[in-house]
Amino acid sequence: MFLLDPHPRKPHMFGWVVVDPNDDYHLLVDGELDGDPADVAAYVGEVEESMKLDVKLRLIDPNMGQSPAGARRGITWKDEFDAAGLRCDLADDSDVGRQRINQFLKPDPSTRKPRLTVDPRCQTSITQLKRYVWDDFRRTQERDLKQKPKPKYDDFPTLLKYHFNWLPEFRMLYAGAQILTRPGTRRGAY
């Protein structure tokens, strides 16, 4: 699964999460590239070919994916990446993924290992996950707590949030989604 967070002023952030047959998740590679969508698409193609990754699903940040990409009107980041050959679906931006990240980082009682692991080569992701904290007001006595994280180190944790909002299963990615039928309907030739 490929995750993409485009930015107009800072490098585009992206990463690959692998789903194993036990439905455990492994952040295998992360990256950032300052360039246009064609450069990112070329780099992504090189990484996927060199690591022999079979990407079944690509998600893009829905907020930036639908925002204007540049000076041309009506062209979004998603359109730019689609034109470059990197077709992505818009991710779900709900907050459910944040709780799921915490849940999957806890050790599984049966295996005593976390269900989400981050490869040691993903130093940027590790750094951002360690520094991902909630934002607070300066004077908290007369205000409620903010329900937003600090924006400084939120790129890769937000990409993981999009992944956990989707919560893909190995079986679904490998064989495709289940075909829904109603009981009593005919199948095959008449």
Protein backbone atom coordinates (compact mmCIF):
# COMPACT_ATOMS: atom_id res chain seq x y z
CA MET A 1 0.00 0.00 0.00
CA PHE A 2 1.42 3.39 -1.03
CA LEU A 3 0.63 6.59 0.89
CA LEU A 4 1.29 10.11 -0.43
CA ASP A 5 1.17 13.55 1.17
CA PRO A 6 1.87 16.27 -1.44
CA HIS A 7 3.06 19.73 -0.41
CA PRO A 8 3.49 22.92 -2.43
CA ARG A 9 6.30 24.43 -0.32
CA LYS A 10 8.06 21.51 1.33
CA PRO A 11 9.01 18.06 -0.01
CA HIS A 12 6.31 15.54 -0.90
CA MET A 13 6.15 12.81 1.77
CA PHE A 14 5.34 9.20 0.95
CA GLY A 15 5.68 5.70 2.32
CA TRP A 16 4.91 2.05 1.69
CA VAL A 17 3.08 -0.13 4.23
CA VAL A 18 3.19 -3.89 3.71
CA VAL A 19 0.31 -6.07 4.92
CA ASP A 20 1.36 -9.61 5.83
CA PRO A 21 -0.94 -12.69 5.82
CA ASN A 22 -1.61 -12.22 9.57
CA ASP A 23 -2.92 -8.70 8.85
CA ASP A 24 0.04 -7.13 10.63
CA TYR A 25 1.41 -3.93 9.14
CA HIS A 26 5.02 -2.99 8.41
CA LEU A 27 6.10 0.50 7.36
CA LEU A 28 8.80 -0.69 4.99
CA VAL A 29 10.04 2.45 3.24
CA ASP A 30 9.45 6.16 3.69
CA GLY A 31 10.67 9.03 1.62
CA GLU A 32 10.45 12.67 0.80
CA LEU A 33 11.23 14.33 -2.50
CA ASP A 34 11.24 17.98 -3.45
CA GLY A 35 10.15 18.02 -7.07
CA ASP A 36 7.21 17.93 -9.40
CA PRO A 37 4.78 14.98 -9.61
CA ALA A 38 6.68 13.46 -12.56
CA ASP A 39 9.87 13.31 -10.45
CA VAL A 40 7.97 11.69 -7.58
CA ALA A 41 6.32 9.17 -9.94
CA ALA A 42 9.71 8.25 -11.43
CA TYR A 43 11.28 7.80 -7.99
CA VAL A 44 8.31 5.76 -6.74
CA GLY A 45 8.56 3.52 -9.81
CA GLU A 46 12.29 2.95 -9.18
CA VAL A 47 11.73 2.05 -5.52
CA GLU A 48 8.84 -0.30 -6.28
CA GLU A 49 10.82 -2.02 -9.04
CA SER A 50 14.03 -2.36 -7.03
CA MET A 51 12.21 -3.71 -3.94
CA LYS A 52 9.75 -5.76 -6.02
CA LEU A 53 6.75 -4.22 -4.26
CA ASP A 54 3.31 -5.25 -5.50
CA VAL A 55 1.24 -2.17 -4.72
CA LYS A 56 -2.50 -2.85 -4.74
CA LEU A 57 -3.70 0.42 -3.23
CA ARG A 58 -2.49 4.03 -3.37
CA LEU A 59 -3.89 6.75 -1.11
CA ILE A 60 -3.33 10.51 -1.20
CA ASP A 61 -4.01 13.08 1.52
CA PRO A 62 -7.59 14.25 0.82
CA ASN A 63 -6.96 17.82 1.96
CA MET A 64 -3.91 18.43 -0.23
CA GLY A 65 -5.07 16.05 -2.96
CA GLN A 66 -8.09 18.23 -3.68
CA SER A 67 -6.30 21.58 -3.33
CA PRO A 68 -4.95 23.51 -6.34
CA ALA A 69 -1.54 22.29 -7.44
CA GLY A 70 -0.19 25.51 -8.89
CA ALA A 71 -0.93 28.49 -11.05
CA ARG A 72 -3.31 26.65 -13.37
CA ARG A 73 -6.91 26.83 -12.25
CA GLY A 74 -8.93 23.70 -11.71
CA ILE A 75 -5.93 21.37 -11.57
CA THR A 76 -5.51 19.62 -8.23
CA TRP A 77 -2.55 17.70 -6.81
CA LYS A 78 -4.45 14.47 -7.45
CA ASP A 79 -4.88 15.44 -11.12
CA GLU A 80 -1.17 16.27 -11.41
CA PHE A 81 -0.11 12.92 -9.94
CA ASP A 82 -2.67 11.08 -12.09
CA ALA A 83 -1.20 12.74 -15.19
CA ALA A 84 2.30 11.69 -14.07
CA GLY A 85 1.15 8.05 -13.85
CA LEU A 86 0.82 7.85 -10.07
CA ARG A 87 -2.91 7.24 -9.65
CA CYS A 88 -4.10 7.55 -6.06
CA ASP A 89 -7.46 7.34 -4.32
CA LEU A 90 -8.42 10.00 -1.79
CA ALA A 91 -7.87 8.80 1.76
CA ASP A 92 -10.39 9.05 4.59
CA ASP A 93 -9.54 11.91 6.97
CA SER A 94 -11.45 10.76 10.06
CA ASP A 95 -9.76 10.56 13.46
CA VAL A 96 -10.43 6.84 13.96
CA GLY A 97 -6.99 6.02 12.56
CA ARG A 98 -5.20 7.77 15.43
CA GLN A 99 -6.71 5.42 18.00
CA ARG A 100 -5.96 2.44 15.75
CA ILE A 101 -2.28 3.44 15.52
CA ASN A 102 -2.06 3.35 19.32
CA GLN A 103 -3.91 0.04 19.41
CA PHE A 104 -1.63 -1.58 16.79
CA LEU A 105 1.55 -0.33 18.51
CA LYS A 106 0.63 -2.23 21.68
CA PRO A 107 1.96 -5.81 21.87
CA ASP A 108 -0.46 -8.49 20.74
CA PRO A 109 -1.24 -10.78 23.74
CA SER A 110 -0.65 -13.98 21.74
CA THR A 111 2.54 -13.04 19.87
CA ARG A 112 3.86 -10.41 22.31
CA LYS A 113 4.83 -8.24 19.35
CA PRO A 114 3.23 -5.04 18.06
CA ARG A 115 1.02 -5.41 15.00
CA LEU A 116 2.55 -2.25 13.49
CA THR A 117 6.30 -2.21 12.97
CA VAL A 118 8.51 0.45 11.42
CA ASP A 119 11.64 -0.56 9.54
CA PRO A 120 14.82 0.93 11.06
CA ARG A 121 15.62 2.54 7.67
CA CYS A 122 12.55 4.80 8.08
CA GLN A 123 14.36 7.32 10.28
CA THR A 124 12.12 10.26 9.33
CA SER A 125 8.99 8.30 10.26
CA ILE A 126 10.52 7.14 13.54
CA THR A 127 11.55 10.69 14.43
CA GLN A 128 8.11 12.09 13.64
CA LEU A 129 6.29 9.31 15.50
CA LYS A 130 8.39 10.02 18.59
CA ARG A 131 7.62 13.75 18.42
CA TYR A 132 3.93 13.50 17.47
CA VAL A 133 2.09 15.26 20.32
CA TRP A 134 -1.17 17.09 20.90
CA ASP A 135 -1.18 20.85 20.54
CA ASP A 136 -2.13 22.89 23.62
CA PHE A 137 -3.03 26.50 24.18
CA ARG A 138 -0.49 28.63 26.00
CA ARG A 139 -2.94 29.40 28.77
CA THR A 140 -5.00 26.27 29.34
CA GLN A 141 -6.81 27.35 32.49
CA GLU A 142 -9.80 28.95 30.80
CA ARG A 143 -9.88 26.84 27.62
CA ASP A 144 -10.63 23.25 26.68
CA LEU A 145 -7.92 20.99 25.31
CA LYS A 146 -7.27 21.19 21.58
CA GLN A 147 -8.27 18.18 19.56
CA LYS A 148 -5.48 18.66 17.01
CA PRO A 149 -1.86 17.48 16.95
CA LYS A 150 1.01 19.90 16.49
CA PRO A 151 1.61 20.36 12.76
CA LYS A 152 5.42 20.28 12.94
CA TYR A 153 5.91 16.49 13.02
CA ASP A 154 2.60 15.24 11.69
CA ASP A 155 3.36 14.18 8.09
CA PHE A 156 4.19 10.48 8.46
CA PRO A 157 1.88 9.89 11.46
CA THR A 158 -0.93 11.37 9.35
CA LEU A 159 -0.06 9.01 6.49
CA LEU A 160 -0.32 6.11 8.94
CA LYS A 161 -3.66 7.52 10.10
CA TYR A 162 -4.94 7.30 6.51
CA HIS A 163 -3.71 3.71 6.33
CA PHE A 164 -5.49 2.76 9.56
CA ASN A 165 -8.68 4.52 8.51
CA TRP A 166 -8.72 2.18 5.52
CA LEU A 167 -7.48 -0.82 7.59
CA PRO A 168 -6.73 -3.10 4.63
CA GLU A 169 -6.68 -6.86 5.04
CA PHE A 170 -4.21 -9.14 3.27
CA ARG A 171 -6.98 -11.26 1.79
CA MET A 172 -8.76 -8.22 0.32
CA LEU A 173 -5.54 -6.81 -1.19
CA TYR A 174 -4.40 -10.18 -2.51
CA ALA A 175 -7.65 -11.54 -3.94
CA GLY A 176 -9.81 -8.43 -4.27
CA ALA A 177 -12.92 -7.35 -2.47
CA GLN A 178 -15.66 -9.85 -1.69
CA ILE A 179 -18.47 -10.07 -4.23
CA LEU A 180 -21.73 -9.41 -2.46
CA THR A 181 -24.76 -11.51 -3.43
CA ARG A 182 -28.23 -11.85 -2.05
CA PRO A 183 -29.49 -15.23 -0.89
CA GLY A 184 -31.73 -16.84 -3.48
CA THR A 185 -30.24 -15.11 -6.52
CA ARG A 186 -29.23 -17.25 -9.46
CA ARG A 187 -25.60 -17.68 -10.44
CA GLY A 188 -24.22 -18.95 -13.71
CA ALA A 189 -26.08 -19.74 -16.93
CA TYR A 190 -29.87 -19.84 -17.09
